[in-house]
N, C-alpha and C. Protein backbone atom coordinates (compact mmCIF):
# COMPACT_ATOMS: atom_id res chain seq x y z
N MET A 1 63.36 95.50 81.35
CA MET A 1 64.37 95.13 80.28
C MET A 1 65.01 96.41 79.73
N HIS A 2 66.32 96.46 79.63
CA HIS A 2 67.06 97.58 78.93
C HIS A 2 66.72 97.76 77.39
N ALA A 3 66.99 98.87 76.89
CA ALA A 3 66.85 99.01 75.39
C ALA A 3 67.63 98.09 74.68
N SER A 4 68.70 97.56 75.20
CA SER A 4 69.65 96.70 74.41
C SER A 4 69.12 95.34 74.35
N GLY A 5 67.94 95.00 75.25
CA GLY A 5 67.32 93.79 75.22
C GLY A 5 67.84 92.82 76.29
N ARG A 6 68.66 93.34 77.16
CA ARG A 6 69.32 92.63 78.27
C ARG A 6 68.27 92.95 79.54
N HIS A 7 68.24 92.04 80.36
CA HIS A 7 67.28 92.03 81.58
C HIS A 7 68.18 92.77 82.73
N TYR A 8 67.58 93.50 83.43
CA TYR A 8 68.19 94.02 84.67
C TYR A 8 68.17 92.98 85.73
N ARG A 9 69.29 93.13 86.58
CA ARG A 9 69.45 92.20 87.74
C ARG A 9 69.63 92.86 88.96
N PHE A 10 68.83 92.65 90.10
CA PHE A 10 69.19 93.40 91.32
C PHE A 10 70.34 92.77 91.94
N GLN A 11 71.24 93.54 92.55
CA GLN A 11 72.47 93.04 93.04
C GLN A 11 72.09 92.47 94.64
N GLN A 12 71.18 93.05 95.17
CA GLN A 12 70.84 92.61 96.60
C GLN A 12 69.29 92.07 96.49
N ALA A 13 69.10 90.99 97.14
CA ALA A 13 67.72 90.61 97.25
C ALA A 13 66.71 91.58 97.99
N TRP A 14 65.63 91.93 97.36
CA TRP A 14 64.61 92.69 98.10
C TRP A 14 64.01 91.99 99.15
N THR A 15 63.96 92.58 100.19
CA THR A 15 63.11 91.93 101.38
C THR A 15 61.79 92.37 101.72
N GLY A 16 61.30 93.22 100.84
CA GLY A 16 60.06 93.54 101.00
C GLY A 16 59.95 94.77 101.96
N ALA A 17 60.94 95.27 102.49
CA ALA A 17 60.90 96.39 103.40
C ALA A 17 60.60 97.64 102.72
N PRO A 18 59.89 98.45 103.48
CA PRO A 18 59.52 99.70 102.73
C PRO A 18 60.82 100.66 102.51
N HIS A 19 60.49 101.44 101.34
CA HIS A 19 61.72 102.23 100.98
C HIS A 19 61.82 103.50 102.04
N PRO A 20 63.12 103.87 102.18
CA PRO A 20 63.31 105.00 103.16
C PRO A 20 62.57 106.18 102.59
N ALA A 21 62.32 107.20 103.44
CA ALA A 21 61.52 108.33 103.20
C ALA A 21 62.43 109.18 102.17
N CYS A 22 61.78 109.85 101.29
CA CYS A 22 62.51 110.70 100.40
C CYS A 22 62.61 112.06 101.03
N PRO A 23 63.88 112.67 100.89
CA PRO A 23 64.00 114.02 101.51
C PRO A 23 63.20 115.03 100.70
N PRO A 24 62.56 116.00 101.49
CA PRO A 24 61.62 117.03 100.71
C PRO A 24 62.29 117.70 99.65
N GLN A 25 63.41 118.04 99.82
CA GLN A 25 64.14 118.81 98.70
C GLN A 25 64.31 117.95 97.40
N LEU A 26 64.46 116.65 97.42
CA LEU A 26 64.43 115.79 96.38
C LEU A 26 63.20 115.47 95.89
N ARG A 27 62.07 115.43 96.66
CA ARG A 27 60.77 115.22 96.27
C ARG A 27 60.43 116.36 95.45
N ALA A 28 60.83 117.51 95.73
CA ALA A 28 60.19 118.87 95.25
C ALA A 28 60.86 118.70 93.65
N LEU A 29 61.98 118.20 93.54
CA LEU A 29 62.64 118.24 92.22
C LEU A 29 61.93 117.17 91.27
N VAL A 30 61.49 116.02 91.78
CA VAL A 30 60.91 114.94 91.00
C VAL A 30 59.46 115.03 90.80
N GLN A 31 58.61 115.82 91.68
CA GLN A 31 57.21 115.70 91.60
C GLN A 31 56.71 116.60 90.50
N PRO A 32 55.80 116.23 89.73
CA PRO A 32 55.39 117.10 88.68
C PRO A 32 54.71 118.34 89.22
N GLY A 33 54.90 119.38 88.45
CA GLY A 33 54.35 120.61 88.92
C GLY A 33 52.79 120.68 88.75
N ALA A 34 52.09 121.85 89.16
CA ALA A 34 50.86 121.79 88.90
C ALA A 34 50.51 122.03 87.48
N PRO A 35 49.28 121.52 87.04
CA PRO A 35 48.90 121.60 85.68
C PRO A 35 48.90 122.92 85.22
N PRO A 36 49.25 123.40 83.91
CA PRO A 36 49.18 124.66 83.65
C PRO A 36 47.72 125.39 83.59
N ALA A 37 47.60 126.80 84.09
CA ALA A 37 46.34 127.26 84.07
C ALA A 37 45.72 127.42 82.59
N ASP A 38 44.48 127.52 82.55
CA ASP A 38 43.94 127.59 81.25
C ASP A 38 44.54 128.66 80.37
N ARG A 39 44.96 129.87 81.05
CA ARG A 39 45.41 130.96 80.31
C ARG A 39 46.85 130.56 79.77
N ALA A 40 47.71 129.92 80.66
CA ALA A 40 49.11 129.44 80.04
C ALA A 40 48.85 128.38 79.09
N ALA A 41 47.98 127.52 79.20
CA ALA A 41 47.89 126.51 78.16
C ALA A 41 47.50 127.09 76.80
N ALA A 42 46.70 128.04 76.89
CA ALA A 42 46.20 128.69 75.71
C ALA A 42 47.32 129.50 74.90
N GLY A 43 48.46 129.63 75.45
CA GLY A 43 49.54 130.40 74.84
C GLY A 43 49.34 131.79 75.13
N ILE A 44 49.87 132.53 73.97
CA ILE A 44 49.72 134.01 74.10
C ILE A 44 48.39 134.34 73.70
N LEU A 45 47.70 135.07 74.56
CA LEU A 45 46.18 135.52 74.26
C LEU A 45 46.07 136.47 73.29
N HIS A 46 46.91 137.55 73.46
CA HIS A 46 46.93 138.70 72.56
C HIS A 46 48.16 138.73 71.57
N ARG A 47 48.17 137.74 70.80
CA ARG A 47 49.47 137.51 69.88
C ARG A 47 49.79 138.83 69.16
N ASP A 48 48.76 139.57 68.72
CA ASP A 48 49.02 140.70 67.93
C ASP A 48 49.70 141.65 68.79
N ARG A 49 49.24 141.94 70.02
CA ARG A 49 49.98 142.88 70.89
C ARG A 49 51.30 142.39 71.18
N TYR A 50 51.68 141.15 71.24
CA TYR A 50 53.06 140.54 71.69
C TYR A 50 54.03 140.70 70.41
N THR A 51 53.40 140.56 69.09
CA THR A 51 54.23 140.68 67.95
C THR A 51 54.59 142.14 67.75
N HIS A 52 53.51 142.96 67.86
CA HIS A 52 53.72 144.27 67.81
C HIS A 52 54.71 144.91 68.76
N ALA A 53 54.63 144.54 70.01
CA ALA A 53 55.69 144.85 71.04
C ALA A 53 57.03 144.21 70.70
N ALA A 54 57.24 143.10 70.10
CA ALA A 54 58.43 142.45 69.83
C ALA A 54 58.99 143.37 68.55
N LEU A 55 58.27 143.61 67.62
CA LEU A 55 58.68 144.50 66.40
C LEU A 55 59.19 145.95 66.85
N ASP A 56 58.49 146.47 67.72
CA ASP A 56 58.70 147.83 68.20
C ASP A 56 59.85 147.75 68.91
N GLY A 57 60.14 146.75 69.89
CA GLY A 57 61.38 146.65 70.68
C GLY A 57 62.63 146.33 69.67
N GLU A 58 62.48 145.56 68.67
CA GLU A 58 63.62 145.33 67.89
C GLU A 58 64.07 146.63 67.07
N LEU A 59 62.99 147.30 66.62
CA LEU A 59 63.25 148.51 65.79
C LEU A 59 64.01 149.53 66.84
N GLN A 60 63.53 149.66 68.08
CA GLN A 60 64.14 150.42 68.96
C GLN A 60 65.55 150.00 69.21
N ARG A 61 65.88 148.84 69.42
CA ARG A 61 67.32 148.38 69.49
C ARG A 61 68.25 148.68 68.39
N ILE A 62 67.59 148.57 67.20
CA ILE A 62 68.27 149.05 65.93
C ILE A 62 68.64 150.52 66.06
N ALA A 63 67.66 151.30 66.43
CA ALA A 63 67.89 152.85 66.44
C ALA A 63 68.92 153.29 67.56
N GLN A 64 69.07 152.33 68.53
CA GLN A 64 69.97 152.74 69.72
C GLN A 64 71.38 152.13 69.46
N ALA A 65 71.58 151.44 68.30
CA ALA A 65 72.78 150.78 67.95
C ALA A 65 73.92 151.76 67.82
N PRO A 66 75.10 151.46 68.25
CA PRO A 66 76.19 152.48 68.36
C PRO A 66 76.50 152.74 66.61
N GLN A 67 76.75 154.03 66.60
CA GLN A 67 77.08 154.57 65.24
C GLN A 67 78.71 154.64 64.94
N PRO A 68 79.20 154.56 63.81
CA PRO A 68 80.64 154.49 63.63
C PRO A 68 81.13 155.87 63.90
N VAL A 69 82.39 155.95 64.31
CA VAL A 69 83.05 157.18 64.67
C VAL A 69 84.20 157.53 63.65
N PHE A 70 84.31 158.78 63.46
CA PHE A 70 85.25 159.32 62.50
C PHE A 70 86.26 160.07 63.25
N HIS A 71 87.65 159.69 63.27
CA HIS A 71 88.74 160.28 63.80
C HIS A 71 89.92 160.54 62.74
N SER A 72 90.13 161.74 62.71
CA SER A 72 91.19 162.19 61.69
C SER A 72 90.88 161.70 60.27
N GLY A 73 89.58 161.73 59.87
CA GLY A 73 89.20 161.29 58.51
C GLY A 73 89.11 159.87 58.50
N GLN A 74 89.40 159.12 59.50
CA GLN A 74 89.34 157.55 59.31
C GLN A 74 88.06 157.15 60.10
N ARG A 75 87.34 156.20 59.37
CA ARG A 75 86.23 155.63 60.06
C ARG A 75 86.49 154.46 60.94
N ILE A 76 86.07 154.64 62.30
CA ILE A 76 86.38 153.58 63.32
C ILE A 76 84.96 152.79 63.41
N PRO A 77 84.99 151.63 63.05
CA PRO A 77 83.54 150.97 63.28
C PRO A 77 83.23 150.86 64.60
N ALA A 78 81.86 151.11 64.90
CA ALA A 78 81.50 150.86 66.33
C ALA A 78 81.01 149.39 66.30
N GLY A 79 80.46 148.76 65.25
CA GLY A 79 80.21 147.28 65.16
C GLY A 79 78.93 147.04 65.83
N GLY A 80 77.96 147.98 65.94
CA GLY A 80 76.67 147.61 66.48
C GLY A 80 75.59 147.65 65.49
N ARG A 81 75.66 148.52 64.54
CA ARG A 81 74.31 148.62 63.76
C ARG A 81 74.06 147.33 62.97
N ASN A 82 74.98 146.88 62.23
CA ASN A 82 74.75 145.64 61.32
C ASN A 82 74.39 144.45 62.24
N ASN A 83 75.09 144.36 63.45
CA ASN A 83 74.74 143.23 64.41
C ASN A 83 73.38 143.50 64.98
N ALA A 84 73.00 144.68 65.17
CA ALA A 84 71.74 144.90 65.82
C ALA A 84 70.55 144.59 64.81
N VAL A 85 70.75 144.94 63.45
CA VAL A 85 69.85 144.62 62.60
C VAL A 85 69.67 143.02 62.38
N HIS A 86 70.86 142.33 62.27
CA HIS A 86 70.86 141.01 62.06
C HIS A 86 70.19 140.23 63.23
N LEU A 87 70.39 140.71 64.45
CA LEU A 87 69.82 139.91 65.63
C LEU A 87 68.31 140.26 65.67
N ALA A 88 67.91 141.49 65.18
CA ALA A 88 66.53 141.89 65.18
C ALA A 88 65.83 140.90 64.18
N ALA A 89 66.36 140.75 62.96
CA ALA A 89 65.88 139.91 61.88
C ALA A 89 65.73 138.52 62.46
N PHE A 90 66.80 138.02 63.01
CA PHE A 90 66.78 136.55 63.51
C PHE A 90 65.53 136.47 64.52
N ARG A 91 65.43 137.28 65.51
CA ARG A 91 64.43 137.17 66.56
C ARG A 91 63.07 137.25 65.87
N LEU A 92 62.89 138.20 65.10
CA LEU A 92 61.69 138.33 64.47
C LEU A 92 61.36 137.22 63.32
N GLY A 93 62.34 136.74 62.77
CA GLY A 93 62.11 135.55 61.86
C GLY A 93 61.75 134.29 62.61
N GLN A 94 62.13 134.27 63.84
CA GLN A 94 61.72 133.09 64.82
C GLN A 94 60.18 133.24 65.02
N LEU A 95 59.53 134.38 65.17
CA LEU A 95 58.29 134.48 65.42
C LEU A 95 57.53 134.41 64.21
N ALA A 96 58.11 134.76 63.12
CA ALA A 96 57.44 134.47 61.65
C ALA A 96 57.34 133.07 61.39
N ALA A 97 58.17 132.37 61.80
CA ALA A 97 58.17 130.89 61.43
C ALA A 97 56.89 130.16 61.93
N ARG A 98 56.47 130.73 63.01
CA ARG A 98 55.25 130.08 63.69
C ARG A 98 53.97 130.79 63.07
N GLY A 99 54.11 131.85 62.15
CA GLY A 99 53.07 132.45 61.61
C GLY A 99 52.42 133.53 62.40
N ASP A 100 53.28 133.96 63.34
CA ASP A 100 52.79 135.11 64.15
C ASP A 100 53.17 136.41 63.79
N LEU A 101 53.81 136.60 62.61
CA LEU A 101 54.28 137.94 62.14
C LEU A 101 54.14 137.86 60.56
N ASP A 102 53.71 139.05 60.08
CA ASP A 102 53.71 139.15 58.58
C ASP A 102 55.07 139.53 58.06
N ASP A 103 55.57 138.53 57.24
CA ASP A 103 56.93 138.59 56.86
C ASP A 103 57.30 139.76 56.05
N ALA A 104 56.45 140.14 55.05
CA ALA A 104 56.77 141.45 54.11
C ALA A 104 56.89 142.60 55.01
N GLY A 105 55.85 142.84 55.75
CA GLY A 105 55.72 144.12 56.54
C GLY A 105 56.86 144.20 57.54
N ALA A 106 57.17 143.17 58.15
CA ALA A 106 58.26 143.25 59.27
C ALA A 106 59.66 143.46 58.58
N ARG A 107 59.82 142.55 57.51
CA ARG A 107 61.08 142.81 56.74
C ARG A 107 61.30 144.20 56.31
N ARG A 108 60.26 144.69 55.78
CA ARG A 108 60.33 146.09 55.11
C ARG A 108 60.66 147.18 56.28
N GLU A 109 60.03 147.00 57.54
CA GLU A 109 60.37 147.92 58.55
C GLU A 109 61.74 147.76 59.10
N LEU A 110 62.18 146.42 59.11
CA LEU A 110 63.63 146.22 59.41
C LEU A 110 64.57 146.81 58.47
N ILE A 111 64.35 146.82 57.11
CA ILE A 111 65.25 147.35 56.29
C ILE A 111 65.20 148.95 56.43
N ASP A 112 63.98 149.55 56.42
CA ASP A 112 63.87 150.94 56.62
C ASP A 112 64.59 151.29 57.88
N ALA A 113 64.55 150.71 59.01
CA ALA A 113 65.43 150.82 60.18
C ALA A 113 66.88 150.90 59.97
N ALA A 114 67.39 149.84 59.22
CA ALA A 114 68.60 149.75 59.09
C ALA A 114 69.22 151.01 58.06
N VAL A 115 68.49 151.45 57.15
CA VAL A 115 68.62 152.69 56.27
C VAL A 115 68.60 153.97 57.39
N GLN A 116 67.90 153.91 58.21
CA GLN A 116 67.83 155.04 59.20
C GLN A 116 69.13 155.29 60.01
N VAL A 117 69.71 154.01 60.27
CA VAL A 117 70.96 154.08 61.06
C VAL A 117 72.18 154.02 60.09
N SER A 118 72.09 154.55 58.78
CA SER A 118 73.04 154.72 57.98
C SER A 118 73.67 153.49 57.31
N LEU A 119 72.97 152.26 57.29
CA LEU A 119 73.35 151.35 56.40
C LEU A 119 72.78 151.39 55.06
N SER A 120 73.49 151.07 53.95
CA SER A 120 72.89 151.24 52.64
C SER A 120 71.63 150.27 52.53
N ARG A 121 70.83 150.55 51.61
CA ARG A 121 69.66 149.81 51.59
C ARG A 121 69.94 148.41 51.15
N THR A 122 71.17 148.13 50.30
CA THR A 122 71.59 146.75 49.96
C THR A 122 72.09 146.19 51.09
N GLU A 123 72.95 146.70 51.89
CA GLU A 123 73.48 146.18 53.08
C GLU A 123 72.28 145.77 54.07
N GLY A 124 71.38 146.68 54.25
CA GLY A 124 70.25 146.50 55.18
C GLY A 124 69.41 145.23 54.54
N HIS A 125 69.15 145.17 53.42
CA HIS A 125 68.37 143.95 52.72
C HIS A 125 69.22 142.63 52.83
N ARG A 126 70.43 142.62 52.61
CA ARG A 126 71.23 141.57 52.74
C ARG A 126 71.30 140.99 54.34
N THR A 127 71.46 141.93 55.17
CA THR A 127 71.60 141.64 56.66
C THR A 127 70.16 141.05 57.12
N VAL A 128 69.28 141.85 56.78
CA VAL A 128 67.80 141.28 57.13
C VAL A 128 67.52 139.90 56.44
N ASP A 129 67.98 139.70 55.40
CA ASP A 129 67.67 138.33 54.70
C ASP A 129 68.52 137.39 55.48
N SER A 130 69.71 137.54 55.70
CA SER A 130 70.48 136.44 56.59
C SER A 130 69.96 136.17 57.90
N GLY A 131 69.64 137.29 58.73
CA GLY A 131 69.03 137.02 60.00
C GLY A 131 67.65 136.34 60.00
N TRP A 132 66.87 136.85 58.98
CA TRP A 132 65.43 136.25 58.94
C TRP A 132 65.57 134.67 58.61
N ARG A 133 66.50 134.28 57.61
CA ARG A 133 66.65 132.96 57.23
C ARG A 133 67.11 132.11 58.50
N GLY A 134 67.95 132.66 59.19
CA GLY A 134 68.46 132.01 60.49
C GLY A 134 67.28 131.80 61.55
N GLY A 135 66.55 132.91 61.71
CA GLY A 135 65.52 132.82 62.78
C GLY A 135 64.40 131.95 62.27
N ARG A 136 64.08 131.84 61.03
CA ARG A 136 63.03 130.96 60.51
C ARG A 136 63.36 129.35 60.78
N ARG A 137 64.81 129.14 60.73
CA ARG A 137 65.17 127.88 61.00
C ARG A 137 65.05 127.34 62.30
N ARG A 138 64.99 128.36 63.28
CA ARG A 138 64.96 128.10 64.76
C ARG A 138 63.71 128.89 65.21
N PRO A 139 62.36 128.33 65.06
CA PRO A 139 61.21 129.03 65.51
C PRO A 139 61.19 128.88 67.08
N ARG A 140 60.52 129.89 67.80
CA ARG A 140 60.39 129.81 69.06
C ARG A 140 58.99 129.88 69.52
């Protein structure tokens, strides 16, 4: 029966003959995989190490973000610092949404990293807040 309540009808009468063999390539696509190993089923075993590595990686990305360039007294924005801070906050906010990361500590480190790459503390705070909210809405 279809979800609409209508019954399916076969167009050809079934003769009882066996179905043709399924090609191995197709069978591989539809067969269920092996059950997850105990380690995979348990999730991340060393969550602290994982979250520390994630935080360190994001702080490193911020530190390596392109700096603005000054030419003839004019500031030419490189466009990397604010974006790097926002993306880092988003990614870490996703982890925090699952309870894997200390919100206050991680946010403080992100704001400090933003200040170190020459964003104002206010701009860093706003950027981290925006990215953090977005990440918390999409946990991973």
